[in-house]
Protein backbone atom coordinates (compact mmCIF):
# COMPACT_ATOMS: atom_id res chain seq x y z
CA MET A 1 -76.32 -111.20 47.77
CA SER A 2 -78.34 -108.04 47.17
CA LYS A 3 -81.04 -107.58 44.57
CA ARG A 4 -80.43 -105.17 41.72
CA GLU A 5 -83.14 -103.11 40.05
CA PHE A 6 -83.58 -103.05 36.28
CA THR A 7 -85.82 -101.12 33.90
CA LEU A 8 -87.15 -102.41 30.60
CA ALA A 9 -89.13 -100.64 27.88
CA TYR A 10 -92.73 -101.77 27.50
CA GLY A 11 -94.80 -100.03 24.84
CA LYS A 12 -94.38 -96.33 25.53
CA LYS A 13 -93.82 -97.00 29.24
CA GLU A 14 -91.32 -98.87 31.42
CA ILE A 15 -91.34 -101.91 33.70
CA LYS A 16 -89.09 -102.09 36.78
CA PHE A 17 -88.04 -105.35 38.45
CA LYS A 18 -85.36 -106.76 40.73
CA LEU A 19 -83.07 -109.76 40.34
CA ASP A 20 -80.49 -111.36 42.63
CA GLU A 21 -76.95 -110.47 41.51
CA LYS A 22 -75.86 -114.08 42.04
CA ASN A 23 -78.23 -115.25 39.30
CA LEU A 24 -77.15 -112.74 36.69
CA LEU A 25 -74.69 -113.76 33.98
CA GLY A 26 -74.93 -110.32 32.39
CA VAL A 27 -76.97 -107.59 30.78
CA LEU A 28 -76.56 -107.89 27.02
CA LEU A 29 -76.56 -104.47 25.44
CA PRO A 30 -75.56 -103.13 22.05
CA GLU A 31 -72.31 -101.22 22.08
CA LYS A 32 -72.86 -97.86 23.76
CA ILE A 33 -72.36 -95.39 20.94
CA THR A 34 -73.12 -91.71 21.12
CA PRO A 35 -73.25 -89.65 17.92
CA GLU A 36 -69.99 -87.78 17.27
CA GLU A 37 -71.94 -85.09 15.42
CA ASP A 38 -75.55 -83.99 15.37
CA GLU A 39 -77.86 -86.29 13.42
CA LYS A 40 -78.53 -83.80 10.63
CA THR A 41 -74.80 -83.42 9.98
CA ILE A 42 -74.25 -87.20 9.95
CA ILE A 43 -76.97 -87.64 7.32
CA GLU A 44 -75.80 -84.66 5.24
CA ASN A 45 -72.21 -85.95 5.25
CA ALA A 46 -73.40 -89.34 4.03
CA LEU A 47 -75.23 -87.70 1.13
CA LYS A 48 -72.15 -85.63 0.26
CA ASN A 49 -69.88 -88.70 0.35
CA PRO A 50 -71.78 -91.55 -1.31
CA VAL A 51 -70.28 -95.04 -1.33
CA LYS A 52 -69.43 -96.39 -4.82
CA SER A 53 -71.90 -93.98 -6.40
CA ALA A 54 -72.13 -90.61 -8.06
CA PRO A 55 -73.76 -87.93 -5.90
CA LEU A 56 -77.51 -87.52 -6.25
CA ALA A 57 -77.10 -84.30 -8.26
CA GLU A 58 -75.48 -86.36 -11.03
CA ILE A 59 -78.10 -89.14 -10.89
CA VAL A 60 -81.25 -87.00 -11.15
CA SER A 61 -82.23 -84.27 -13.59
CA PRO A 62 -84.87 -81.52 -13.40
CA LYS A 63 -87.21 -83.81 -15.35
CA SER A 64 -86.74 -86.87 -13.13
CA GLU A 65 -89.71 -88.62 -11.56
CA VAL A 66 -88.38 -89.71 -8.14
CA ALA A 67 -89.77 -92.36 -5.80
CA ILE A 68 -88.43 -92.31 -2.25
CA ILE A 69 -89.24 -95.59 -0.55
CA THR A 70 -89.18 -95.47 3.24
CA SER A 71 -90.28 -97.63 6.17
CA ASP A 72 -93.72 -98.07 7.69
CA ILE A 73 -94.93 -97.46 11.25
CA THR A 74 -93.61 -100.83 12.52
CA ARG A 75 -90.00 -99.79 11.87
CA SER A 76 -87.65 -97.41 13.69
CA THR A 77 -86.35 -95.72 10.52
CA PRO A 78 -86.28 -91.99 11.38
CA SER A 79 -87.83 -90.84 8.09
CA SER A 80 -88.62 -87.38 9.47
CA LYS A 81 -84.89 -86.84 10.11
CA MET A 82 -83.62 -88.43 6.91
CA LEU A 83 -86.01 -86.86 4.42
CA PRO A 84 -85.24 -83.11 4.86
CA PRO A 85 -81.53 -83.37 3.86
CA LEU A 86 -82.42 -85.78 1.04
CA LEU A 87 -85.20 -83.57 -0.31
CA ASN A 88 -82.89 -80.54 -0.11
CA GLU A 89 -80.37 -82.40 -2.30
CA LEU A 90 -83.07 -83.24 -4.85
CA GLU A 91 -84.40 -79.69 -4.97
CA ARG A 92 -80.90 -78.26 -5.36
CA ALA A 93 -80.54 -80.58 -8.35
CA GLY A 94 -83.68 -79.03 -9.85
CA VAL A 95 -86.16 -81.85 -9.20
CA LYS A 96 -89.65 -80.40 -8.82
CA ARG A 97 -91.69 -81.23 -5.71
CA LYS A 98 -94.59 -82.42 -7.85
CA ASN A 99 -92.27 -85.06 -9.35
CA ILE A 100 -91.26 -86.50 -5.98
CA LYS A 101 -93.39 -89.11 -4.21
CA ILE A 102 -92.72 -90.69 -0.83
CA ILE A 103 -93.86 -94.31 -0.65
CA PHE A 104 -94.24 -96.22 2.61
CA ALA A 105 -92.93 -99.76 2.23
CA LEU A 106 -95.67 -101.79 3.90
CA GLY A 107 -94.55 -105.23 2.77
CA ALA A 108 -97.40 -107.38 4.05
CA HIS A 109 -98.34 -104.98 6.86
CA ARG A 110 -101.56 -102.97 7.28
CA LYS A 111 -102.12 -99.58 5.70
CA HIS A 112 -101.44 -96.36 7.61
CA THR A 113 -103.83 -93.78 8.90
CA GLU A 114 -103.20 -90.27 7.60
CA GLU A 115 -102.04 -89.29 11.09
CA GLU A 116 -99.44 -92.06 11.03
CA LYS A 117 -98.15 -90.88 7.66
CA LYS A 118 -97.85 -87.36 9.04
CA TYR A 119 -96.03 -88.66 12.13
CA LEU A 120 -93.56 -90.65 10.03
CA VAL A 121 -92.45 -87.86 7.68
CA GLY A 122 -93.26 -84.76 9.71
CA GLU A 123 -96.10 -82.32 9.14
CA LYS A 124 -94.28 -79.98 6.75
CA ILE A 125 -93.20 -82.77 4.38
CA TYR A 126 -96.62 -84.41 4.59
CA GLU A 127 -98.28 -81.17 3.48
CA ASN A 128 -95.83 -80.47 0.64
CA TYR A 129 -95.18 -83.87 -0.90
CA ARG A 130 -97.28 -86.77 -2.11
CA CYS A 131 -97.06 -89.46 0.60
CA ILE A 132 -98.66 -92.80 -0.24
CA ASP A 133 -98.80 -96.38 0.99
CA HIS A 134 -97.51 -99.28 -1.08
CA GLU A 135 -100.35 -101.44 -2.47
CA LYS A 136 -99.37 -105.09 -2.77
CA GLU A 137 -102.39 -105.74 -4.99
CA ASN A 138 -101.37 -103.02 -7.47
CA CYS A 139 -98.10 -104.31 -8.85
CA VAL A 140 -96.47 -104.85 -12.23
CA SER A 141 -94.49 -107.95 -13.27
CA LEU A 142 -90.80 -107.57 -14.10
CA GLY A 143 -90.19 -111.24 -14.76
CA LYS A 144 -88.52 -113.70 -12.40
CA THR A 145 -85.26 -114.13 -10.55
CA LYS A 146 -82.83 -116.89 -11.58
CA SER A 147 -84.40 -119.17 -8.97
CA GLY A 148 -87.92 -118.47 -10.26
CA ILE A 149 -89.17 -115.92 -7.72
CA PRO A 150 -91.71 -113.63 -9.44
CA VAL A 151 -90.63 -109.99 -9.33
CA GLU A 152 -93.81 -107.92 -8.98
CA ILE A 153 -93.38 -104.33 -7.83
CA PHE A 154 -95.80 -101.55 -6.87
CA LYS A 155 -96.63 -99.62 -10.06
CA GLU A 156 -95.87 -96.24 -8.47
CA VAL A 157 -92.32 -97.42 -7.75
CA ASN A 158 -91.80 -99.01 -11.14
CA ARG A 159 -92.82 -95.93 -13.14
CA ALA A 160 -90.29 -93.69 -11.34
CA ASP A 161 -87.11 -92.73 -13.19
CA VAL A 162 -85.08 -92.72 -9.98
CA LYS A 163 -85.71 -95.01 -7.01
CA ILE A 164 -84.19 -94.04 -3.66
CA CYS A 165 -84.45 -96.46 -0.72
CA LEU A 166 -84.36 -95.34 2.90
CA GLY A 167 -83.95 -97.64 5.89
CA ASN A 168 -82.20 -98.39 9.14
CA ILE A 169 -79.76 -101.27 9.60
CA GLU A 170 -80.20 -103.76 12.43
CA PRO A 171 -80.22 -107.57 12.77
CA HIS A 172 -83.04 -109.38 11.01
CA TYR A 173 -83.94 -112.91 12.00
CA PHE A 174 -83.70 -114.41 8.50
CA ALA A 175 -82.56 -111.63 6.12
CA GLY A 176 -79.32 -111.13 8.07
CA TYR A 177 -79.80 -107.40 8.44
CA THR A 178 -82.49 -104.90 7.54
CA GLY A 179 -81.81 -102.08 5.10
CA GLY A 180 -80.51 -101.96 1.54
CA ALA A 181 -82.77 -103.59 -1.06
CA LYS A 182 -85.15 -104.81 1.66
CA SER A 183 -87.11 -101.60 1.02
CA ILE A 184 -88.02 -103.13 -2.35
CA MET A 185 -88.35 -106.77 -1.32
CA PRO A 186 -90.56 -107.19 0.64
CA GLY A 187 -91.19 -103.45 1.08
CA VAL A 188 -93.05 -102.64 -2.15
CA SER A 189 -93.62 -106.09 -3.64
CA SER A 190 -96.72 -108.17 -4.33
CA LYS A 191 -98.03 -110.81 -1.99
CA ILE A 192 -96.80 -113.68 -4.16
CA SER A 193 -93.35 -112.13 -4.55
CA ILE A 194 -93.05 -111.69 -0.79
CA SER A 195 -94.28 -115.22 -0.11
CA GLU A 196 -91.88 -116.84 -2.55
CA THR A 197 -88.92 -114.93 -1.12
CA HIS A 198 -89.92 -115.60 2.48
CA LYS A 199 -89.94 -119.34 1.78
CA LEU A 200 -86.18 -119.13 1.98
CA MET A 201 -86.41 -118.46 5.74
CA LEU A 202 -86.71 -122.24 6.22
CA SER A 203 -83.04 -122.58 5.27
CA PRO A 204 -80.69 -122.72 8.30
CA LEU A 205 -78.44 -120.30 6.39
CA SER A 206 -81.17 -117.65 6.55
CA CYS A 207 -80.32 -116.26 9.96
CA ALA A 208 -79.59 -113.05 11.85
CA GLY A 209 -76.28 -111.30 11.24
CA LYS A 210 -75.41 -113.37 8.15
CA LEU A 211 -75.22 -111.74 4.71
CA ASP A 212 -72.87 -113.77 2.52
CA GLY A 213 -74.37 -117.14 1.71
CA ASN A 214 -77.75 -116.15 3.16
CA PRO A 215 -80.29 -117.27 0.52
CA THR A 216 -82.93 -114.78 1.67
CA ARG A 217 -80.58 -111.79 1.51
CA GLU A 218 -79.28 -112.95 -1.88
CA ALA A 219 -82.84 -113.13 -3.25
CA ILE A 220 -83.66 -109.68 -1.84
CA GLU A 221 -80.65 -108.19 -3.57
CA GLU A 222 -81.36 -109.95 -6.86
CA VAL A 223 -84.84 -108.45 -6.84
CA GLY A 224 -83.36 -105.04 -6.05
CA GLU A 225 -81.00 -105.41 -9.00
CA LYS A 226 -83.84 -106.34 -11.33
CA VAL A 227 -86.06 -103.45 -10.19
CA GLY A 228 -83.24 -100.92 -10.26
CA ILE A 229 -82.28 -98.91 -7.19
CA GLU A 230 -80.35 -95.80 -8.09
CA PHE A 231 -79.45 -94.71 -4.56
CA ILE A 232 -79.92 -95.66 -0.91
CA LEU A 233 -79.73 -93.76 2.37
CA ASN A 234 -79.44 -96.04 5.41
CA VAL A 235 -78.77 -95.22 9.04
CA VAL A 236 -77.64 -97.11 12.12
CA LEU A 237 -79.44 -96.20 15.35
CA ASN A 238 -78.36 -96.75 18.94
CA PRO A 239 -80.91 -98.05 21.52
CA GLN A 240 -81.92 -94.45 22.22
CA LYS A 241 -82.94 -94.29 18.54
CA GLU A 242 -80.28 -91.67 17.79
CA VAL A 243 -78.56 -91.73 14.40
CA VAL A 244 -74.95 -92.76 15.04
CA ALA A 245 -73.96 -93.49 11.44
CA ALA A 246 -75.35 -93.00 7.95
CA PHE A 247 -74.39 -94.41 4.57
CA ALA A 248 -75.58 -93.35 1.14
CA GLY A 249 -74.92 -94.44 -2.41
CA ASP A 250 -74.78 -97.86 -4.04
CA LYS A 251 -77.53 -100.24 -2.93
CA THR A 252 -75.09 -103.01 -1.99
CA PHE A 253 -71.79 -101.34 -1.13
CA ALA A 254 -73.33 -98.60 1.03
CA HIS A 255 -75.47 -101.21 2.77
CA ARG A 256 -72.44 -103.41 3.51
CA LYS A 257 -70.59 -100.43 5.02
CA GLY A 258 -73.58 -99.87 7.26
CA CYS A 259 -73.67 -103.55 8.24
CA GLU A 260 -70.01 -103.36 9.32
CA VAL A 261 -70.96 -100.62 11.78
CA ALA A 262 -74.09 -102.54 12.79
CA ASP A 263 -71.93 -105.59 13.58
CA THR A 264 -69.87 -103.58 16.05
CA CYS A 265 -73.04 -102.11 17.58
CA PHE A 266 -75.41 -105.06 17.84
CA LYS A 267 -73.40 -108.29 18.07
CA VAL A 268 -72.67 -109.09 21.72
CA LYS A 269 -70.29 -111.87 22.76
CA ILE A 270 -71.34 -114.39 25.42
CA LYS A 271 -69.14 -117.06 27.04
CA GLN A 272 -72.05 -119.32 28.06
CA LYS A 273 -75.80 -119.64 27.67
CA ALA A 274 -78.34 -119.05 30.44
CA ASP A 275 -81.23 -121.06 31.88
CA ILE A 276 -83.48 -118.01 31.57
CA VAL A 277 -83.32 -114.98 29.27
CA ILE A 278 -85.42 -111.90 30.00
CA VAL A 279 -85.86 -109.93 26.79
CA SER A 280 -87.68 -106.69 26.00
CA CYS A 281 -88.39 -105.83 22.38
CA GLY A 282 -87.17 -102.32 23.12
CA GLY A 283 -90.59 -100.69 23.50
CA TYR A 284 -92.84 -99.09 20.88
CA PRO A 285 -92.96 -99.61 17.89
CA LYS A 286 -90.92 -102.82 18.18
CA ASP A 287 -93.56 -104.32 20.46
CA ILE A 288 -96.57 -102.86 18.64
CA ASN A 289 -97.83 -106.42 17.99
CA VAL A 290 -96.74 -110.06 18.32
CA TYR A 291 -95.78 -110.13 14.64
CA GLN A 292 -93.04 -107.58 15.38
CA ALA A 293 -92.20 -108.76 18.91
CA GLN A 294 -91.22 -112.18 17.54
CA LYS A 295 -87.95 -110.68 16.26
CA ALA A 296 -86.69 -110.01 19.80
CA LEU A 297 -87.70 -113.52 20.75
CA ASP A 298 -85.71 -114.93 17.86
CA ASN A 299 -82.56 -113.01 18.86
CA ALA A 300 -82.91 -114.14 22.48
CA LYS A 301 -82.75 -117.80 21.42
CA TYR A 302 -79.01 -117.43 20.83
CA ALA A 303 -78.47 -116.74 24.55
CA VAL A 304 -80.65 -119.46 26.12
CA LYS A 305 -79.78 -123.10 26.81
CA GLU A 306 -81.59 -125.91 25.04
CA GLY A 307 -84.74 -126.50 27.10
CA GLY A 308 -84.40 -123.12 28.80
CA THR A 309 -86.96 -120.34 29.11
CA ILE A 310 -87.27 -116.93 27.48
CA ILE A 311 -89.33 -114.30 29.28
CA LEU A 312 -90.60 -111.97 26.56
CA VAL A 313 -91.65 -108.44 27.56
CA GLY A 314 -93.77 -106.73 24.90
CA GLU A 315 -96.97 -104.72 25.17
CA CYS A 316 -98.47 -105.73 21.78
CA ARG A 317 -101.20 -103.10 21.86
CA GLU A 318 -102.33 -104.18 18.37
CA GLY A 319 -102.62 -107.85 19.27
CA PHE A 320 -101.22 -110.46 16.89
CA GLY A 321 -100.70 -107.88 14.14
CA ASP A 322 -101.52 -110.04 11.14
CA LYS A 323 -104.74 -111.90 10.29
CA ILE A 324 -103.16 -115.01 8.76
CA PHE A 325 -100.57 -115.29 11.52
CA GLU A 326 -103.39 -115.09 14.03
CA GLU A 327 -105.49 -117.69 12.21
CA TRP A 328 -102.59 -120.14 12.05
CA MET A 329 -101.92 -119.79 15.78
CA LEU A 330 -105.59 -120.09 16.73
CA GLU A 331 -106.04 -123.21 14.58
CA ALA A 332 -102.87 -124.98 15.80
CA THR A 333 -103.17 -127.79 18.34
CA SER A 334 -99.39 -127.90 18.82
CA PHE A 335 -96.59 -125.39 18.26
CA ARG A 336 -95.23 -127.85 15.68
CA ASP A 337 -98.34 -127.59 13.51
CA PRO A 338 -97.43 -124.28 11.79
CA VAL A 339 -93.94 -125.57 10.94
CA GLU A 340 -95.31 -128.67 9.22
CA LYS A 341 -98.03 -126.63 7.54
CA LEU A 342 -95.49 -124.15 6.14
CA LYS A 343 -93.34 -126.95 4.72
CA LYS A 344 -96.34 -128.13 2.68
CA GLU A 345 -97.44 -124.68 1.51
CA PHE A 346 -95.76 -121.35 2.20
CA VAL A 347 -98.26 -118.70 3.26
CA LEU A 348 -97.21 -115.20 4.23
CA GLY A 349 -98.19 -114.57 7.84
CA GLY A 350 -98.05 -118.28 8.47
CA HIS A 351 -94.27 -117.93 8.28
CA LYS A 352 -94.34 -115.98 11.53
CA ALA A 353 -96.31 -118.77 13.23
CA ALA A 354 -93.74 -121.26 11.96
CA ALA A 355 -90.88 -119.09 13.26
CA ILE A 356 -92.45 -119.25 16.72
CA GLY A 357 -92.90 -122.99 16.37
CA MET A 358 -89.23 -123.48 15.45
CA LEU A 359 -88.16 -121.44 18.47
CA LEU A 360 -90.39 -123.43 20.82
CA GLU A 361 -88.53 -126.57 19.73
CA LYS A 362 -85.57 -125.07 21.62
CA ALA A 363 -87.02 -123.11 24.55
CA LYS A 364 -90.21 -122.29 26.44
CA VAL A 365 -91.63 -118.76 26.50
CA ILE A 366 -93.30 -116.79 29.29
CA PHE A 367 -95.01 -113.68 27.93
CA VAL A 368 -95.59 -110.41 29.77
CA SER A 369 -97.97 -108.40 27.56
CA SER A 370 -101.33 -106.64 27.37
CA LEU A 371 -102.90 -109.66 25.64
CA PRO A 372 -105.57 -111.69 27.46
CA PRO A 373 -104.12 -114.91 28.94
CA SER A 374 -106.28 -117.02 26.59
CA ARG A 375 -104.64 -115.38 23.56
CA VAL A 376 -101.15 -115.85 25.00
CA ARG A 377 -101.83 -119.56 25.46
CA LYS A 378 -102.80 -119.80 21.77
CA LEU A 379 -99.20 -118.79 21.04
CA PHE A 380 -98.14 -121.76 23.19
CA PHE A 381 -96.60 -119.27 25.62
CA THR A 382 -97.23 -119.08 29.37
CA PRO A 383 -98.97 -115.80 30.30
CA ALA A 384 -97.75 -113.67 33.21
CA ASN A 385 -99.37 -110.47 34.50
CA THR A 386 -96.08 -108.99 35.69
CA LEU A 387 -92.39 -109.54 35.14
CA ASP A 388 -91.98 -110.52 38.80
CA GLU A 389 -94.60 -113.22 38.29
CA ALA A 390 -92.80 -114.45 35.16
CA ILE A 391 -89.49 -114.68 37.04
CA SER A 392 -91.17 -116.64 39.86
CA ILE A 393 -92.66 -119.11 37.35
CA ALA A 394 -89.24 -119.65 35.74
CA LEU A 395 -87.43 -120.05 39.08
CA GLU A 396 -89.92 -122.71 40.15
CA GLU A 397 -88.68 -124.82 37.24
CA TYR A 398 -84.95 -124.13 37.29
CA GLY A 399 -84.39 -123.50 41.01
CA LYS A 400 -83.10 -120.56 43.00
CA ASP A 401 -79.62 -120.81 41.45
CA ALA A 402 -80.84 -120.49 37.85
CA SER A 403 -78.73 -118.30 35.57
CA PHE A 404 -80.15 -115.25 33.77
CA TYR A 405 -79.32 -112.90 30.96
CA ILE A 406 -81.24 -109.64 30.54
CA ILE A 407 -81.59 -108.21 27.02
CA PRO A 408 -83.18 -104.71 27.17
CA SER A 409 -83.25 -104.14 23.39
CA GLY A 410 -83.97 -107.57 21.98
CA GLY A 411 -84.85 -106.41 18.50
CA ILE A 412 -81.33 -105.09 17.92
CA THR A 413 -79.16 -107.27 20.18
CA LEU A 414 -77.63 -110.37 18.65
CA PRO A 415 -75.80 -112.66 21.13
CA TYR A 416 -73.08 -114.88 19.69
CA PRO A 417 -70.47 -117.20 21.25
CA ASP A 418 -67.16 -115.76 22.37
CA LYS A 419 -64.65 -118.34 21.12
CA SER A 420 -61.60 -116.45 22.36
């Protein structure tokens, strides 16, 4: 049987490798969707046809103070493509530029450089509009949710008359899907608000692709309701990061429409699980650090057998990506330590360490990255310098007839059993 060559994204580059056809169960890819119209037209049509909502022109007034909340550098949301049509709508409605602010939803992530802000929105918008980072330490209390989660929101968001949330929709390992009110929680919330909401990830019902009955998603949307989101604009991207669909309007109904499309794009049926799964995060920015790369790892777990191995391909140029996550991993003597620690006290950043620990209960991980081997071992992963080396290590354990899946875009590919 001949060997077949494959290419996976790695940072801003690519890695090529070969695999025997006889070992391959399949290449798991999101549905191949090409935009039916140009991206600008797709976004403009969404704004003209909002879901369960009045058009923006009827929501804002010339006196409105508008906050546009969009994603940070770790996300694939194409803000520079989404903002021009949205800003045109606002200006046609008479909203003054000085009354519009663009806020980057950092959640618990690091602040941006000015160059990163410019890259995210485009130079022209950066020069003509106020573009600021969310500050989790500068929030105002809006009470609590029914379950007691404190609702504390960035003051600049809270003081706006109209709040517009931007985002892209793809599987999320415990919120079901990204997008919708997730721009608010955790996007522009305080540290304690984020921590209390993220506690819900420990529930088995908080999982990728699940919305109804997902306690994390329900909490996110309750916070969004309490804060008040007047309008959303969400997109669905294909693996080439092209906009293939856009939905605007009501924070819940428009989001659900987007999730229906996302389901057809990102959920991939499998008839059996594999001994070994090779997964790439999908390249930069999804593999900017381990904190982000973990999401691809979590999706890959649905395709690997109990006791199997996942080979994770992610550059992680910014290392672990979060100080607390890093501290928890460096202090752990076993991958189970962070899970037990999180059960006793939920700490944001530590939740990512616990997520890795929960995964390692099911499968081993070999990591191809730019991290020093000593750092990889602190994740309780096996380091490999190349993908070929990683495959050799895995085959030594499972034998020459081991079965493989390859997942080129792990951050947006959600395997699930084909019961037909």
